[in-house]
Amino acid sequence: MSLNVNEAESDHGLGHATSAPAARMGAKACCICLVAPALAERPPLCRSAACRYRYERLHPSRLCVHCLRPLAAVGSGAVSHCDALACRQAAARQLVAEVGVRRREELNQLRANLGRRRGIATPDHFPVVDLPTRRARLTRLPRRRLALFRAHLEALAPVALALARSGGSEVQAAGTSMASSHRTADDIAASGCANCRGYCCATGARTHAWLRAETLAGFAHKDLTMTAPALVEHYLSFVGERISRNSCVYHGPRGCTLPREMRADICNEYFCPPLIELRAQTTADAPARAFLVTREADGSSRGQFVSLR
């Protein structure tokens, strides 16, 4: 008994076929005969002994590693999964997991090597923090962007002053957004942000630095005699001539040029996932330490040991 493998595989290459008889029974078709309903998902075979025999003669490399259906003819045989959406998603998750494992091994080795050179006896006591990294060159702020930002501030300022003078609950308490019971962890996080060089700050390019009327009102509340034009000009005075390309108007060569008490809450409160994890692991009464890792422009990784107290 022989199996026309190419014919069966080519049919499967069109997707997880469900024949008319199988469809009427509410089941997917057998992956060999493509007619009778399959009894199970893995492997998807019908009751026929002939279909089972033909399936068992297929080499494992010719089966999808996720659903176990025969693969379409692929020539090189490098593909290990079929074209079904669920299988492609499973393959993508597996690839991400494998890349993550290799990355952790690479960074652990980097930490050990650098710790040895620095004379650190227990480098493994410094949790690895793999930071996102921004490596954009500085550029002049385009006039059009500055004009749009000015227009945004001019629209916010009258509303902000009205809020500040009303003393409503909408007004941000300027500066309070940075209050934290994990001050040591926040100091470590600040080192992480400095090494990252403003990866998250790029979002400020399309949100006008995340400024809202409530943000400006929180600052204007300190001086209720301030006029709308004065408030606009005060915020514009912190915009530098050169900014990180395609980033926030306040993203200068040494970080944010806007004082903390004038920033949007999100700019003071946001932490990227690696720093959130670090803060969760750091207690207020324990020494805070971390091995901060960033990627250089050439793709290499750079590590830095940071310890407080």
Protein backbone atom coordinates (compact mmCIF):
# COMPACT_ATOMS: atom_id res chain seq x y z
CA MET A 1 0.00 0.00 0.00
CA SER A 2 1.51 3.34 -1.03
CA LEU A 3 0.76 6.91 -0.21
CA ASN A 4 0.92 9.78 -2.64
CA VAL A 5 2.57 12.04 -0.08
CA ASN A 6 2.85 15.07 -2.35
CA GLU A 7 -0.85 14.99 -3.15
CA ALA A 8 -1.89 14.76 0.50
CA GLU A 9 0.61 17.40 1.57
CA SER A 10 -0.38 19.81 -1.18
CA ASP A 11 -4.02 19.58 -0.13
CA HIS A 12 -3.00 20.32 3.47
CA GLY A 13 -0.95 23.25 2.28
CA LEU A 14 -4.24 25.01 1.53
CA GLY A 15 -5.12 24.96 5.25
CA HIS A 16 -6.83 22.67 7.73
CA ALA A 17 -9.30 21.26 5.26
CA THR A 18 -12.77 20.24 6.40
CA SER A 19 -14.54 18.11 3.83
CA ALA A 20 -18.27 18.35 3.17
CA PRO A 21 -19.08 15.09 5.04
CA ALA A 22 -16.85 16.08 7.95
CA ALA A 23 -18.26 19.61 8.04
CA ARG A 24 -21.80 18.29 8.29
CA MET A 25 -20.69 16.34 11.37
CA GLY A 26 -19.05 19.44 12.89
CA ALA A 27 -15.50 18.02 12.80
CA LYS A 28 -12.26 18.58 10.91
CA ALA A 29 -11.37 16.05 8.26
CA CYS A 30 -8.79 13.32 8.58
CA CYS A 31 -5.41 14.70 7.46
CA ILE A 32 -4.83 11.69 5.16
CA CYS A 33 -8.09 10.93 3.34
CA LEU A 34 -9.47 14.47 3.80
CA VAL A 35 -12.99 13.02 3.85
CA ALA A 36 -13.87 11.25 7.10
CA PRO A 37 -14.01 13.27 10.31
CA ALA A 38 -10.94 13.10 12.54
CA LEU A 39 -11.42 11.43 15.90
CA ALA A 40 -8.95 13.70 17.70
CA GLU A 41 -6.93 16.87 17.21
CA ARG A 42 -3.51 15.26 17.64
CA PRO A 43 -3.07 13.35 15.41
CA PRO A 44 -6.08 14.27 13.28
CA LEU A 45 -6.94 10.81 11.92
CA CYS A 46 -10.18 9.03 11.16
CA ARG A 47 -11.13 5.46 12.06
CA SER A 48 -9.57 4.01 8.92
CA ALA A 49 -6.67 1.62 9.54
CA ALA A 50 -5.39 2.49 6.06
CA CYS A 51 -5.17 6.20 6.93
CA ARG A 52 -3.37 5.40 10.18
CA TYR A 53 -0.92 3.13 8.35
CA ARG A 54 -0.16 5.81 5.76
CA TYR A 55 0.25 8.44 8.48
CA GLU A 56 2.67 6.30 10.50
CA ARG A 57 4.88 5.88 7.44
CA LEU A 58 5.47 9.65 7.24
CA HIS A 59 8.81 10.81 8.62
CA PRO A 60 8.41 13.01 11.73
CA SER A 61 10.21 15.85 9.93
CA ARG A 62 7.31 15.98 7.47
CA LEU A 63 4.75 16.67 10.21
CA CYS A 64 3.81 20.00 11.77
CA VAL A 65 5.34 20.02 15.25
CA HIS A 66 2.23 21.68 16.69
CA CYS A 67 -0.84 20.04 15.12
CA LEU A 68 0.93 16.92 13.71
CA ARG A 69 -0.66 17.26 10.28
CA PRO A 70 1.47 16.55 7.19
CA LEU A 71 3.42 19.54 5.97
CA ALA A 72 3.09 20.94 2.49
CA ALA A 73 6.05 20.29 0.20
CA VAL A 74 8.67 22.85 1.21
CA GLY A 75 11.75 21.73 -0.69
CA SER A 76 14.45 22.38 1.90
CA GLY A 77 12.44 20.89 4.75
CA ALA A 78 13.40 23.78 7.02
CA VAL A 79 9.81 24.63 7.94
CA SER A 80 8.60 22.80 11.05
CA HIS A 81 5.02 24.06 11.21
CA CYS A 82 2.09 24.34 8.84
CA ASP A 83 0.29 27.47 7.63
CA ALA A 84 -2.60 27.24 10.11
CA LEU A 85 -2.93 30.41 12.18
CA ALA A 86 -2.78 28.60 15.52
CA CYS A 87 0.40 26.77 14.49
CA ARG A 88 2.09 29.93 13.20
CA GLN A 89 1.25 31.69 16.46
CA ALA A 90 2.60 28.77 18.49
CA ALA A 91 5.80 28.79 16.43
CA ALA A 92 6.19 32.55 16.99
CA ARG A 93 5.74 32.14 20.77
CA GLN A 94 8.29 29.34 20.81
CA LEU A 95 10.79 31.47 18.88
CA VAL A 96 10.33 34.40 21.27
CA ALA A 97 10.85 32.08 24.24
CA GLU A 98 14.03 30.61 22.72
CA VAL A 99 15.41 34.07 21.94
CA GLY A 100 14.62 35.12 25.52
CA VAL A 101 16.51 32.14 26.96
CA ARG A 102 19.56 32.86 24.79
CA ARG A 103 19.44 36.53 25.74
CA ARG A 104 19.34 35.74 29.48
CA GLU A 105 22.26 33.36 29.13
CA GLU A 106 24.23 36.00 27.23
CA LEU A 107 23.55 38.68 29.85
CA ASN A 108 24.35 36.38 32.76
CA GLN A 109 27.69 35.64 31.12
CA LEU A 110 28.29 39.36 30.55
CA ARG A 111 27.54 40.02 34.23
CA ALA A 112 29.93 37.27 35.36
CA ASN A 113 32.76 38.48 33.08
CA LEU A 114 32.39 42.13 34.02
CA GLY A 115 32.05 41.26 37.70
CA ARG A 116 35.30 39.28 37.53
CA ARG A 117 37.11 42.22 35.96
CA ARG A 118 35.67 44.65 38.52
CA GLY A 119 36.51 42.41 41.47
CA ILE A 120 32.88 41.89 42.46
CA ALA A 121 32.69 38.68 44.49
CA THR A 122 28.98 37.99 44.01
CA PRO A 123 27.84 39.50 40.69
CA ASP A 124 24.80 37.21 40.70
CA HIS A 125 23.44 39.29 43.60
CA PHE A 126 22.86 42.08 41.08
CA PRO A 127 19.63 41.32 39.18
CA VAL A 128 19.95 41.77 35.43
CA VAL A 129 17.79 44.59 34.06
CA ASP A 130 17.66 44.42 30.26
CA LEU A 131 16.65 47.95 29.35
CA PRO A 132 15.15 49.25 26.13
CA THR A 133 17.61 51.61 24.52
CA ARG A 134 17.34 54.68 22.32
CA ARG A 135 20.32 55.67 20.18
CA ALA A 136 19.07 58.62 18.13
CA ARG A 137 21.26 61.50 17.04
CA LEU A 138 20.54 65.09 17.94
CA THR A 139 18.87 67.35 15.42
CA ARG A 140 17.48 70.87 15.25
CA LEU A 141 13.85 71.15 16.25
CA PRO A 142 11.90 71.75 13.01
CA ARG A 143 10.07 75.06 12.91
CA ARG A 144 6.82 73.34 12.00
CA ARG A 145 6.96 71.15 15.10
CA LEU A 146 7.69 74.16 17.29
CA ALA A 147 4.75 76.03 15.77
CA LEU A 148 2.43 73.07 16.36
CA PHE A 149 3.63 72.76 19.95
CA ARG A 150 3.06 76.48 20.53
CA ALA A 151 -0.46 76.16 19.16
CA HIS A 152 -1.09 73.24 21.51
CA LEU A 153 0.07 75.25 24.52
CA GLU A 154 -1.97 78.27 23.47
CA ALA A 155 -5.08 76.09 23.35
CA LEU A 156 -4.37 74.64 26.80
CA ALA A 157 -3.33 77.77 28.67
CA PRO A 158 -6.74 79.53 29.10
CA VAL A 159 -8.37 76.28 30.23
CA ALA A 160 -5.45 75.58 32.58
CA LEU A 161 -5.69 79.01 34.21
CA ALA A 162 -9.44 78.63 34.68
CA LEU A 163 -8.87 75.28 36.38
CA ALA A 164 -6.09 76.67 38.57
CA ARG A 165 -8.24 79.60 39.75
CA SER A 166 -11.24 77.40 40.42
CA GLY A 167 -9.13 75.09 42.56
CA GLY A 168 -11.07 72.09 41.21
CA SER A 169 -10.16 68.50 41.91
CA GLU A 170 -8.98 68.17 38.32
CA VAL A 171 -5.88 70.22 39.06
CA GLN A 172 -2.76 68.10 39.37
CA ALA A 173 -0.88 68.56 42.63
CA ALA A 174 2.39 69.52 40.99
CA GLY A 175 5.31 67.47 42.18
CA THR A 176 3.30 64.95 44.20
CA SER A 177 3.32 62.39 41.41
CA MET A 178 6.92 61.54 42.26
CA ALA A 179 6.14 60.62 45.87
CA SER A 180 7.16 57.03 46.46
CA SER A 181 7.62 54.66 49.34
CA HIS A 182 10.41 53.00 47.36
CA ARG A 183 12.80 55.91 47.08
CA THR A 184 15.88 53.68 46.87
CA ALA A 185 14.31 51.65 44.07
CA ASP A 186 13.44 54.88 42.29
CA ASP A 187 17.08 56.00 42.50
CA ILE A 188 18.09 52.76 40.81
CA ALA A 189 15.34 53.32 38.23
CA ALA A 190 16.71 56.80 37.57
CA SER A 191 20.06 55.21 36.72
CA GLY A 192 18.23 52.90 34.35
CA CYS A 193 16.54 55.82 32.62
CA ALA A 194 19.87 57.59 32.23
CA ASN A 195 21.37 54.50 30.60
CA CYS A 196 18.35 53.98 28.38
CA ARG A 197 18.59 57.58 27.10
CA GLY A 198 14.89 58.16 26.68
CA TYR A 199 13.35 55.22 24.85
CA CYS A 200 9.89 56.05 26.22
CA CYS A 201 10.40 59.79 25.67
CA ALA A 202 9.91 59.26 21.94
CA THR A 203 6.16 58.92 22.63
CA GLY A 204 6.16 62.61 23.52
CA ALA A 205 6.78 63.48 19.88
CA ARG A 206 3.21 62.65 18.88
CA THR A 207 1.54 63.71 22.15
CA HIS A 208 3.04 67.19 22.64
CA ALA A 209 5.03 65.99 25.66
CA TRP A 210 1.82 64.49 27.11
CA LEU A 211 0.85 67.96 28.34
CA ARG A 212 -2.82 68.55 29.23
CA ALA A 213 -4.69 71.47 30.69
CA GLU A 214 -4.61 69.80 34.12
CA THR A 215 -0.81 69.56 33.90
CA LEU A 216 -0.41 73.26 33.22
CA ALA A 217 -3.00 74.08 35.88
CA GLY A 218 -1.01 72.22 38.50
CA PHE A 219 1.96 74.47 37.80
CA ALA A 220 -0.05 77.68 37.34
CA HIS A 221 -1.75 77.11 40.69
CA LYS A 222 1.45 78.36 42.35
CA ASP A 223 1.01 81.81 40.75
CA LEU A 224 -2.61 82.69 40.04
CA THR A 225 -1.60 86.09 38.62
CA MET A 226 0.07 84.41 35.64
CA THR A 227 -1.45 85.20 32.24
CA ALA A 228 -2.05 82.69 29.46
CA PRO A 229 0.71 84.12 27.20
CA ALA A 230 3.16 84.08 30.12
CA LEU A 231 2.31 80.44 30.87
CA VAL A 232 2.85 79.50 27.22
CA GLU A 233 6.17 81.32 27.03
CA HIS A 234 7.35 79.75 30.28
CA TYR A 235 6.80 76.25 28.91
CA LEU A 236 8.39 77.19 25.59
CA SER A 237 11.47 78.58 27.36
CA PHE A 238 12.58 75.03 28.25
CA VAL A 239 12.52 73.79 24.64
CA GLY A 240 16.10 73.45 23.42
CA GLU A 241 17.38 74.15 19.93
CA ARG A 242 18.60 70.57 19.52
CA ILE A 243 16.55 67.54 20.47
CA SER A 244 16.76 63.79 20.08
CA ARG A 245 15.55 63.03 16.57
CA ASN A 246 11.85 62.06 16.30
CA SER A 247 11.37 62.47 20.04
CA CYS A 248 9.76 64.86 22.50
CA VAL A 249 10.50 68.59 22.14
CA TYR A 250 12.00 68.46 25.65
CA HIS A 251 14.27 65.47 24.92
CA GLY A 252 17.66 67.18 24.97
CA PRO A 253 21.23 65.86 24.90
CA ARG A 254 21.24 65.35 28.69
CA GLY A 255 17.69 64.11 29.12
CA CYS A 256 14.47 66.00 29.77
CA THR A 257 14.87 69.77 29.76
CA LEU A 258 11.52 70.40 31.47
CA PRO A 259 11.56 70.63 35.31
CA ARG A 260 9.80 67.72 36.99
CA GLU A 261 7.10 69.88 38.56
CA MET A 262 6.07 71.05 35.07
CA ARG A 263 5.96 67.62 33.45
CA ALA A 264 2.92 65.48 32.81
CA ASP A 265 2.25 62.86 35.46
CA ILE A 266 3.04 60.04 33.05
CA CYS A 267 6.54 61.41 32.51
CA ASN A 268 7.23 61.29 36.26
CA GLU A 269 5.44 58.05 37.03
CA TYR A 270 6.06 55.77 34.06
CA PHE A 271 8.48 52.86 34.37
CA CYS A 272 9.22 50.40 31.59
CA PRO A 273 8.49 46.70 32.36
CA PRO A 274 12.11 45.85 33.33
CA LEU A 275 12.19 48.70 35.86
CA ILE A 276 8.74 47.80 37.19
CA GLU A 277 10.04 44.31 37.89
CA LEU A 278 13.15 45.71 39.57
CA ARG A 279 11.10 48.03 41.80
CA ALA A 280 8.86 45.14 42.81
CA GLN A 281 11.91 43.12 43.86
CA THR A 282 13.50 45.96 45.86
CA THR A 283 12.38 46.50 49.45
CA ALA A 284 12.71 49.80 51.28
CA ASP A 285 15.10 48.43 53.93
CA ALA A 286 17.35 46.30 51.70
CA PRO A 287 20.37 47.36 49.65
CA ALA A 288 19.28 48.27 46.14
CA ARG A 289 21.49 46.92 43.39
CA ALA A 290 21.16 46.01 39.75
CA PHE A 291 23.13 45.11 36.65
CA LEU A 292 21.81 47.51 34.02
CA VAL A 293 22.19 46.42 30.40
CA THR A 294 21.71 48.50 27.27
CA ARG A 295 22.36 47.82 23.61
CA GLU A 296 24.89 49.85 21.70
CA ALA A 297 24.46 51.07 18.12
CA ASP A 298 26.54 48.14 16.84
CA GLY A 299 24.23 45.62 18.53
CA SER A 300 26.59 44.78 21.38
CA SER A 301 25.46 44.89 25.02
CA ARG A 302 26.91 47.19 27.67
CA GLY A 303 26.53 46.43 31.36
CA GLN A 304 26.83 48.58 34.47
CA PHE A 305 26.74 47.56 38.14
CA VAL A 306 24.67 49.97 40.26
CA SER A 307 24.43 49.75 44.04
CA LEU A 308 22.95 52.08 46.65
CA ARG A 309 23.46 51.77 50.42
